Amino acid sequence: MNWLNHLSARADYLCLCFLAILYQGSQANGPLLGDSLGFTLGSSQGFQWATNATGHMAYANWLYALHLIFPSYEPHQVFAWSSLAWSLATLLVLRQLFSAMALPVILRSAALLSLGLSFTFWRHSCQVEVYAANAFITSVACLWFYKWHIHRQSKWHIATAWLLGMALWVYIQFVLYLPFLVLWSVWAHQLRFHMHLLGLLAFGLPALALVVPPWLLHTNTLSSILFDNAFKDEVLTAQWQVLLKGLVLSLAYLLYNFGCVGIAMIAALWQGRRNQYQMGLATMALTIWLFAARYPVTDAHVFYLPAYIPLLVLLAQRMASYGQMPKRWMNWAALAMCCAQPMVYMITENVVSQLPQGQKLADDKWYKGGLEYYLWPGLAHAPTANELCHWLNDPSLDMAQYEEIEQNSRYLQSYCARHP
């Protein structure tokens, strides 16, 4: 039984190895229609300095730097490996955080698997997108916040403020972390005005570097830096019906991603007022959550991913405060429940495929992979840009009737000219 005990003690690392293999096997064979194609095409051509809301300047340049380091590899493959690496780094940071909380190893493994097998995290671990990098930055912020909570050293707030200020260069939505940072500043520095100012500068100077040059050079407006102008009215106007619909959808996304763990996460959020760490995580999660509910775009589930991380950490801290489950088998039951989440995706896809609405969606969205694209996280069977180009040039197919393909036809043609 010694080998079994040794294996149990390393269960979290085994889970990470399993997830790495899973993500690698779930990757698409080429860039997909949408942002994946845009990043692959743009970041394989050179450095980019656009600071608009959809430019993701630091992320795009990171990808191009990887292309320069590994020029003999297909750019899309290198970029997809980058997403996989960001996701594994996120899970490693969370493992360190859960260990610091003294969460038992089996429950620690269950928490890592619940995030790692969630639909949105899994999906963005195997495609070229910015959200895996976002998750890593968010996990580091949660870890550093916990270090401050334990040691009460102001340096952790200053370091996190600088990190999130720099993160604006990756994704402008990190501005949503400001309420969390301000609340943390009040707790960390109290009446020390110079420390509040230092935290403000740590966040503000990187932010100004993102905003001021385009403003002075008249290359971008402030609104285009903060959000996509196509959704300016939707973001800035208060439409309570849209918000209510978004909140209902957000709960559906949460349950589809986490199942029963999602219900436990809501309960942990509801009880997250017992100390400053829990209140800070709740502030971070709710700010992101409410913004995502107000942003009516296709694939809106991706905007909730940064909120899932503080919610999971909240739940982990609650579980750590209880210690081991009353019965040992309960720990393994929690682990098994998290491992079963892919079965939910498979069953859902099978059920929906039998419905008329599901069959219609599969027919209408065949160029994305049909139902599998919407209900299964993996992308191994999704049509790639090369396949779409072949269909685009097929005179027997009227591709103009598909708006998404028509909108991306220039990018498709450009990519396939370089990758015949």
Protein backbone atom coordinates (compact mmCIF):
# COMPACT_ATOMS: atom_id res chain seq x y z
CA MET A 1 0.00 0.00 0.00
CA ASN A 2 3.00 2.32 0.21
CA TRP A 3 2.93 2.90 -3.55
CA LEU A 4 -0.77 3.80 -3.34
CA ASN A 5 -0.14 6.33 -0.59
CA HIS A 6 2.76 7.77 -2.56
CA LEU A 7 0.54 8.04 -5.64
CA SER A 8 -2.20 9.73 -3.65
CA ALA A 9 0.29 12.27 -2.31
CA ARG A 10 1.16 13.22 -5.91
CA ALA A 11 -2.40 13.18 -7.24
CA ASP A 12 -2.38 16.90 -8.08
CA TYR A 13 0.71 16.55 -10.28
CA LEU A 14 -0.82 13.51 -11.99
CA CYS A 15 -3.91 15.58 -12.72
CA LEU A 16 -1.78 18.27 -14.34
CA CYS A 17 -0.04 15.68 -16.53
CA PHE A 18 -3.40 14.26 -17.55
CA LEU A 19 -4.71 17.72 -18.45
CA ALA A 20 -1.60 18.54 -20.50
CA ILE A 21 -2.12 15.38 -22.58
CA LEU A 22 -5.84 16.13 -22.90
CA TYR A 23 -5.26 19.70 -24.11
CA GLN A 24 -2.65 18.60 -26.63
CA GLY A 25 -5.02 16.00 -28.03
CA SER A 26 -7.85 18.54 -28.21
CA GLN A 27 -6.01 21.12 -30.33
CA ALA A 28 -7.28 22.04 -33.78
CA ASN A 29 -5.16 21.16 -36.79
CA GLY A 30 -5.05 24.78 -37.89
CA PRO A 31 -6.46 28.23 -37.06
CA LEU A 32 -10.22 28.45 -36.71
CA LEU A 33 -12.60 31.05 -38.02
CA GLY A 34 -12.58 34.16 -35.82
CA ASP A 35 -9.97 35.55 -33.43
CA SER A 36 -7.82 32.42 -33.67
CA LEU A 37 -7.34 33.08 -37.38
CA GLY A 38 -6.73 36.79 -36.75
CA PHE A 39 -4.05 36.16 -34.13
CA THR A 40 -2.36 33.48 -36.21
CA LEU A 41 -2.27 35.62 -39.34
CA GLY A 42 -1.35 38.92 -37.66
CA SER A 43 1.20 37.56 -35.21
CA SER A 44 3.09 35.64 -37.87
CA GLN A 45 3.72 38.79 -39.93
CA GLY A 46 5.38 41.16 -37.48
CA PHE A 47 5.13 43.19 -34.30
CA GLN A 48 1.88 45.10 -33.76
CA TRP A 49 1.44 48.35 -31.87
CA ALA A 50 -2.30 48.93 -32.08
CA THR A 51 -3.70 49.76 -28.63
CA ASN A 52 -7.39 49.33 -29.35
CA ALA A 53 -9.67 47.12 -27.26
CA THR A 54 -9.33 44.15 -29.61
CA GLY A 55 -5.63 44.54 -30.44
CA HIS A 56 -4.17 42.80 -27.37
CA MET A 57 -0.80 44.38 -28.16
CA ALA A 58 1.40 42.55 -25.63
CA TYR A 59 -0.20 39.20 -26.37
CA ALA A 60 0.09 39.59 -30.15
CA ASN A 61 3.75 40.59 -29.85
CA TRP A 62 4.41 37.67 -27.50
CA LEU A 63 3.14 35.35 -30.21
CA TYR A 64 5.33 36.97 -32.85
CA ALA A 65 8.36 36.65 -30.55
CA LEU A 66 7.61 32.93 -30.25
CA HIS A 67 7.42 32.73 -34.04
CA LEU A 68 10.88 34.31 -34.27
CA ILE A 69 12.27 31.87 -31.70
CA PHE A 70 10.75 28.82 -33.42
CA PRO A 71 10.72 29.78 -37.12
CA SER A 72 10.83 26.19 -38.38
CA TYR A 73 7.49 25.31 -36.76
CA GLU A 74 4.05 26.11 -38.12
CA PRO A 75 3.01 29.42 -36.43
CA HIS A 76 -0.41 28.14 -35.42
CA GLN A 77 1.11 25.12 -33.68
CA VAL A 78 3.55 27.28 -31.71
CA PHE A 79 0.77 29.68 -30.74
CA ALA A 80 -1.50 26.82 -29.66
CA TRP A 81 1.30 25.40 -27.50
CA SER A 82 1.57 28.86 -25.94
CA SER A 83 -2.09 28.70 -24.87
CA LEU A 84 -1.52 25.24 -23.43
CA ALA A 85 1.50 26.54 -21.49
CA TRP A 86 -0.45 29.52 -20.09
CA SER A 87 -3.21 27.19 -18.88
CA LEU A 88 -0.81 24.77 -17.21
CA ALA A 89 0.98 27.71 -15.59
CA THR A 90 -2.40 28.89 -14.26
CA LEU A 91 -3.07 25.48 -12.72
CA LEU A 92 0.41 25.38 -11.19
CA VAL A 93 -0.11 28.79 -9.58
CA LEU A 94 -3.47 27.66 -8.21
CA ARG A 95 -1.87 24.46 -6.92
CA GLN A 96 0.65 26.59 -5.02
CA LEU A 97 -2.19 28.72 -3.64
CA PHE A 98 -4.26 25.70 -2.57
CA SER A 99 -1.18 24.16 -0.93
CA ALA A 100 -0.61 27.38 1.03
CA MET A 101 -4.22 27.12 2.21
CA ALA A 102 -3.47 23.58 3.45
CA LEU A 103 -6.18 22.13 1.21
CA PRO A 104 -5.87 18.29 1.35
CA VAL A 105 -4.22 16.85 -1.75
CA ILE A 106 -7.28 14.99 -3.03
CA LEU A 107 -9.49 18.06 -2.68
CA ARG A 108 -6.68 20.11 -4.23
CA SER A 109 -6.69 17.74 -7.18
CA ALA A 110 -10.48 17.97 -7.42
CA ALA A 111 -10.32 21.77 -7.50
CA LEU A 112 -7.68 21.73 -10.25
CA LEU A 113 -9.68 19.23 -12.30
CA SER A 114 -12.91 21.18 -11.87
CA LEU A 115 -11.26 24.19 -13.52
CA GLY A 116 -9.13 22.19 -15.95
CA LEU A 117 -12.12 20.23 -17.27
CA SER A 118 -14.51 23.18 -17.34
CA PHE A 119 -15.73 23.93 -20.84
CA THR A 120 -14.34 27.45 -21.19
CA PHE A 121 -10.93 26.79 -19.63
CA TRP A 122 -10.47 23.58 -21.63
CA ARG A 123 -11.55 25.28 -24.87
CA HIS A 124 -9.08 28.13 -24.48
CA SER A 125 -6.27 25.79 -23.50
CA CYS A 126 -6.25 24.32 -26.98
CA GLN A 127 -6.82 27.27 -29.29
CA VAL A 128 -4.98 30.50 -30.14
CA GLU A 129 -6.70 33.06 -27.93
CA VAL A 130 -5.82 35.57 -25.23
CA TYR A 131 -7.96 34.12 -22.44
CA ALA A 132 -5.48 31.50 -21.25
CA ALA A 133 -2.96 34.29 -20.59
CA ASN A 134 -5.71 36.26 -18.81
CA ALA A 135 -6.40 33.30 -16.54
CA PHE A 136 -2.72 33.07 -15.60
CA ILE A 137 -2.52 36.76 -14.64
CA THR A 138 -5.71 36.45 -12.60
CA SER A 139 -4.39 33.40 -10.75
CA VAL A 140 -1.15 35.25 -9.88
CA ALA A 141 -3.20 38.18 -8.54
CA CYS A 142 -5.18 35.76 -6.33
CA LEU A 143 -1.94 34.18 -5.06
CA TRP A 144 -0.29 37.51 -4.25
CA PHE A 145 -3.48 38.71 -2.55
CA TYR A 146 -3.35 35.62 -0.35
CA LYS A 147 0.31 36.27 0.50
CA TRP A 148 -0.69 39.76 1.66
CA HIS A 149 -3.62 38.29 3.62
CA ILE A 150 -1.22 35.99 5.52
CA HIS A 151 1.85 38.23 5.91
CA ARG A 152 0.33 41.74 5.73
CA GLN A 153 3.20 43.11 3.63
CA SER A 154 2.28 46.11 1.47
CA LYS A 155 4.68 45.02 -1.28
CA TRP A 156 2.17 42.43 -2.46
CA HIS A 157 -0.41 45.11 -3.20
CA ILE A 158 2.11 47.25 -5.06
CA ALA A 159 3.34 44.25 -7.07
CA THR A 160 -0.22 43.23 -7.98
CA ALA A 161 -1.12 46.80 -8.97
CA TRP A 162 1.88 46.88 -11.30
CA LEU A 163 1.03 43.42 -12.69
CA LEU A 164 -2.57 44.41 -13.46
CA GLY A 165 -1.45 47.73 -14.94
CA MET A 166 0.87 45.88 -17.30
CA ALA A 167 -1.91 43.36 -17.96
CA LEU A 168 -3.89 46.11 -19.68
CA TRP A 169 -1.41 45.69 -22.53
CA VAL A 170 -2.61 42.09 -22.79
CA TYR A 171 -6.32 42.78 -22.44
CA ILE A 172 -8.09 46.05 -21.66
CA GLN A 173 -10.70 44.26 -19.52
CA PHE A 174 -8.17 44.14 -16.68
CA VAL A 175 -9.46 47.65 -15.92
CA LEU A 176 -12.34 45.78 -14.24
CA TYR A 177 -9.93 44.80 -11.45
CA LEU A 178 -9.75 48.42 -10.24
CA PRO A 179 -12.53 48.09 -7.60
CA PHE A 180 -10.68 45.08 -6.16
CA LEU A 181 -7.38 47.00 -6.14
CA VAL A 182 -8.91 50.06 -4.49
CA LEU A 183 -10.54 47.99 -1.76
CA TRP A 184 -7.27 46.14 -1.18
CA SER A 185 -5.41 49.47 -1.02
CA VAL A 186 -7.72 50.69 1.74
CA TRP A 187 -7.04 47.54 3.75
CA ALA A 188 -3.32 47.39 3.07
CA HIS A 189 -2.28 51.04 3.50
CA GLN A 190 -5.04 52.54 5.68
CA LEU A 191 -3.99 56.18 6.34
CA ARG A 192 -0.58 56.01 4.68
CA PHE A 193 -1.28 58.35 1.77
CA HIS A 194 2.10 57.84 0.10
CA MET A 195 1.47 54.09 -0.14
CA HIS A 196 -1.91 54.68 -1.77
CA LEU A 197 -0.17 56.97 -4.24
CA LEU A 198 2.51 54.37 -4.93
CA GLY A 199 -0.14 51.74 -5.66
CA LEU A 200 -1.94 54.17 -7.97
CA LEU A 201 1.26 54.90 -9.87
CA ALA A 202 2.10 51.19 -10.11
CA PHE A 203 -1.19 50.61 -11.90
CA GLY A 204 -1.58 53.98 -13.61
CA LEU A 205 1.79 54.43 -15.31
CA PRO A 206 1.51 51.27 -17.47
CA ALA A 207 -2.09 52.27 -18.20
CA LEU A 208 -1.03 55.77 -19.29
CA ALA A 209 1.62 54.28 -21.56
CA LEU A 210 -1.20 52.40 -23.26
CA VAL A 211 -3.52 55.39 -23.60
CA VAL A 212 -1.47 58.60 -23.95
CA PRO A 213 0.66 57.91 -27.08
CA PRO A 214 -2.35 57.02 -29.27
CA TRP A 215 -4.19 60.05 -27.92
CA LEU A 216 -1.29 62.40 -28.69
CA LEU A 217 -0.66 60.89 -32.11
CA HIS A 218 -4.38 60.76 -32.92
CA THR A 219 -4.14 57.09 -33.86
CA ASN A 220 -6.94 55.98 -31.55
CA THR A 221 -9.78 57.46 -29.54
CA LEU A 222 -10.10 56.72 -25.84
CA SER A 223 -13.33 54.76 -26.43
CA SER A 224 -11.69 52.48 -29.01
CA ILE A 225 -8.95 51.70 -26.50
CA LEU A 226 -11.45 50.80 -23.78
CA PHE A 227 -13.93 48.79 -25.84
CA ASP A 228 -14.88 47.73 -29.34
CA ASN A 229 -16.80 50.63 -30.90
CA ALA A 230 -19.22 48.15 -32.44
CA PHE A 231 -20.59 47.58 -28.91
CA LYS A 232 -20.18 51.09 -27.51
CA ASP A 233 -23.88 51.74 -26.95
CA GLU A 234 -24.51 48.31 -25.45
CA VAL A 235 -21.71 48.71 -22.91
CA LEU A 236 -22.38 52.30 -21.85
CA THR A 237 -26.18 52.28 -21.71
CA ALA A 238 -28.16 50.65 -18.92
CA GLN A 239 -30.54 48.04 -20.32
CA TRP A 240 -31.91 46.09 -17.41
CA GLN A 241 -33.58 43.49 -19.60
CA VAL A 242 -30.23 42.75 -21.27
CA LEU A 243 -28.52 42.56 -17.87
CA LEU A 244 -31.17 40.22 -16.47
CA LYS A 245 -30.92 37.95 -19.52
CA GLY A 246 -27.13 38.01 -19.23
CA LEU A 247 -27.27 37.02 -15.55
CA VAL A 248 -29.55 34.07 -16.31
CA LEU A 249 -27.23 32.97 -19.12
CA SER A 250 -24.23 33.40 -16.82
CA LEU A 251 -25.71 30.89 -14.36
CA ALA A 252 -26.30 28.47 -17.23
CA TYR A 253 -22.66 28.90 -18.31
CA LEU A 254 -21.47 28.31 -14.74
CA LEU A 255 -23.47 25.11 -14.34
CA TYR A 256 -22.41 23.78 -17.74
CA ASN A 257 -18.77 24.48 -16.90
CA PHE A 258 -18.74 23.13 -13.35
CA GLY A 259 -21.93 21.20 -12.63
CA CYS A 260 -22.44 20.66 -8.89
CA VAL A 261 -19.16 22.46 -8.17
CA GLY A 262 -20.74 25.57 -9.70
CA ILE A 263 -23.52 25.47 -7.10
CA ALA A 264 -20.88 25.17 -4.36
CA MET A 265 -19.06 28.17 -5.87
CA ILE A 266 -22.23 30.27 -5.65
CA ALA A 267 -22.67 29.21 -2.02
CA ALA A 268 -19.05 30.16 -1.27
CA LEU A 269 -19.62 33.55 -2.90
CA TRP A 270 -22.74 34.09 -0.81
CA GLN A 271 -20.77 33.36 2.36
CA GLY A 272 -17.65 35.24 1.20
CA ARG A 273 -17.83 38.04 3.75
CA ARG A 274 -15.97 36.48 6.68
CA ASN A 275 -12.58 38.07 6.10
CA GLN A 276 -10.88 40.56 3.83
CA TYR A 277 -9.50 37.89 1.52
CA GLN A 278 -12.95 36.49 0.80
CA MET A 279 -14.43 39.97 0.35
CA GLY A 280 -11.65 40.90 -2.07
CA LEU A 281 -12.15 37.76 -4.18
CA ALA A 282 -15.91 38.32 -4.20
CA THR A 283 -15.38 41.91 -5.40
CA MET A 284 -13.08 40.73 -8.19
CA ALA A 285 -15.50 38.02 -9.33
CA LEU A 286 -18.67 40.11 -9.19
CA THR A 287 -17.19 43.07 -11.07
CA ILE A 288 -16.13 40.82 -13.95
CA TRP A 289 -19.39 38.90 -13.80
CA LEU A 290 -21.63 41.98 -14.04
CA PHE A 291 -19.62 43.41 -16.94
CA ALA A 292 -19.77 40.12 -18.83
CA ALA A 293 -23.53 39.98 -18.34
CA ARG A 294 -23.77 43.44 -19.96
CA TYR A 295 -21.67 42.60 -23.02
CA PRO A 296 -23.96 41.00 -25.63
CA VAL A 297 -21.60 39.22 -28.01
CA THR A 298 -21.36 35.74 -29.47
CA ASP A 299 -19.39 33.30 -27.31
CA ALA A 300 -19.91 35.53 -24.25
CA HIS A 301 -19.01 32.60 -21.99
CA VAL A 302 -15.31 33.47 -22.44
CA PHE A 303 -15.72 36.72 -20.52
CA TYR A 304 -16.67 34.82 -17.37
CA LEU A 305 -13.45 32.80 -17.26
CA PRO A 306 -11.52 35.38 -15.15
CA ALA A 307 -14.42 35.37 -12.66
CA TYR A 308 -14.37 31.59 -12.28
CA ILE A 309 -10.86 31.66 -10.82
CA PRO A 310 -11.58 33.83 -7.72
CA LEU A 311 -14.83 31.90 -7.27
CA LEU A 312 -12.93 28.60 -7.24
CA VAL A 313 -10.37 30.04 -4.84
CA LEU A 314 -13.21 31.19 -2.57
CA LEU A 315 -14.60 27.66 -2.57
CA ALA A 316 -11.15 26.17 -1.95
CA GLN A 317 -10.60 28.38 1.09
CA ARG A 318 -13.96 27.38 2.51
CA MET A 319 -13.08 23.71 2.03
CA ALA A 320 -9.63 24.24 3.53
CA SER A 321 -11.23 25.71 6.65
CA TYR A 322 -13.15 22.45 7.11
CA GLY A 323 -10.07 20.27 6.58
CA GLN A 324 -10.59 16.65 5.56
CA MET A 325 -14.06 15.37 4.76
CA PRO A 326 -15.68 13.38 7.60
CA LYS A 327 -15.16 10.17 5.61
CA ARG A 328 -12.14 9.50 3.40
CA TRP A 329 -14.31 8.20 0.57
CA MET A 330 -15.95 11.63 0.35
CA ASN A 331 -12.66 13.13 -0.80
CA TRP A 332 -12.46 10.58 -3.61
CA ALA A 333 -16.15 11.12 -4.41
CA ALA A 334 -15.47 14.85 -4.89
CA LEU A 335 -12.57 14.00 -7.21
CA ALA A 336 -14.71 11.55 -9.19
CA MET A 337 -17.48 14.14 -9.52
CA CYS A 338 -15.05 16.62 -11.10
CA CYS A 339 -13.68 13.93 -13.44
CA ALA A 340 -17.22 13.20 -14.63
CA GLN A 341 -17.80 16.68 -16.08
CA PRO A 342 -16.84 15.65 -19.66
CA MET A 343 -19.66 13.12 -19.49
CA VAL A 344 -22.05 16.06 -19.11
CA TYR A 345 -20.76 17.53 -22.37
CA MET A 346 -21.11 14.20 -24.19
CA ILE A 347 -24.63 13.53 -22.91
CA THR A 348 -25.74 17.10 -23.64
CA GLU A 349 -24.44 16.93 -27.20
CA ASN A 350 -26.15 13.57 -27.75
CA VAL A 351 -29.49 14.85 -26.38
CA VAL A 352 -29.43 18.16 -28.25
CA SER A 353 -28.53 16.41 -31.52
CA GLN A 354 -31.88 14.59 -31.33
CA LEU A 355 -33.86 17.83 -31.12
CA PRO A 356 -35.05 19.74 -34.22
CA GLN A 357 -33.38 22.92 -32.93
CA GLY A 358 -30.12 21.04 -32.44
CA GLN A 359 -30.23 19.58 -35.92
CA LYS A 360 -30.89 23.03 -37.37
CA LEU A 361 -27.96 24.51 -35.44
CA ALA A 362 -25.71 21.71 -36.66
CA ASP A 363 -26.77 22.39 -40.27
CA ASP A 364 -26.45 26.18 -39.98
CA LYS A 365 -23.05 26.14 -38.24
CA TRP A 366 -21.39 23.22 -40.06
CA TYR A 367 -18.47 25.48 -40.98
CA LYS A 368 -17.64 25.81 -37.25
CA GLY A 369 -18.00 22.13 -36.49
CA GLY A 370 -21.74 21.99 -35.81
CA LEU A 371 -22.98 21.06 -32.36
CA GLU A 372 -19.59 19.78 -31.27
CA TYR A 373 -18.18 23.32 -31.46
CA TYR A 374 -20.83 24.61 -29.06
CA LEU A 375 -21.13 21.67 -26.66
CA TRP A 376 -17.74 19.92 -26.59
CA PRO A 377 -14.60 21.80 -25.45
CA GLY A 378 -12.11 20.07 -27.75
CA LEU A 379 -11.39 21.38 -31.24
CA ALA A 380 -9.66 18.41 -32.87
CA HIS A 381 -12.51 17.96 -35.37
CA ALA A 382 -13.29 21.65 -36.02
CA PRO A 383 -12.89 22.86 -39.65
CA THR A 384 -9.66 24.82 -40.07
CA ALA A 385 -8.89 27.88 -42.18
CA ASN A 386 -7.39 25.69 -44.92
CA GLU A 387 -10.57 23.63 -45.20
CA LEU A 388 -12.72 26.76 -45.23
CA CYS A 389 -10.60 28.23 -48.02
CA HIS A 390 -11.16 25.08 -50.07
CA TRP A 391 -14.91 25.42 -49.60
CA LEU A 392 -14.75 29.17 -50.24
CA ASN A 393 -13.31 28.50 -53.70
CA ASP A 394 -15.74 25.68 -54.49
CA PRO A 395 -18.19 27.07 -57.10
CA SER A 396 -20.83 24.52 -56.09
CA LEU A 397 -21.12 26.09 -52.61
CA ASP A 398 -22.72 29.48 -52.02
CA MET A 399 -20.49 30.60 -49.16
CA ALA A 400 -21.77 34.19 -49.33
CA GLN A 401 -24.89 33.08 -47.43
CA TYR A 402 -22.71 32.48 -44.36
CA GLU A 403 -22.07 35.90 -42.86
CA GLU A 404 -19.18 34.86 -40.63
CA ILE A 405 -17.29 33.30 -43.53
CA GLU A 406 -17.96 36.31 -45.74
CA GLN A 407 -16.69 38.67 -43.03
CA ASN A 408 -13.49 36.66 -42.68
CA SER A 409 -12.98 35.84 -46.36
CA ARG A 410 -10.11 38.33 -46.73
CA TYR A 411 -8.29 36.80 -43.76
CA LEU A 412 -8.98 33.30 -45.02
CA GLN A 413 -7.61 34.09 -48.47
CA SER A 414 -4.56 35.81 -46.97
CA TYR A 415 -3.79 32.89 -44.63
CA CYS A 416 -4.22 30.23 -47.29
CA ALA A 417 -2.03 32.13 -49.73
CA ARG A 418 0.77 31.79 -47.17
CA HIS A 419 -0.12 28.24 -46.12
CA PRO A 420 -1.34 26.41 -49.22
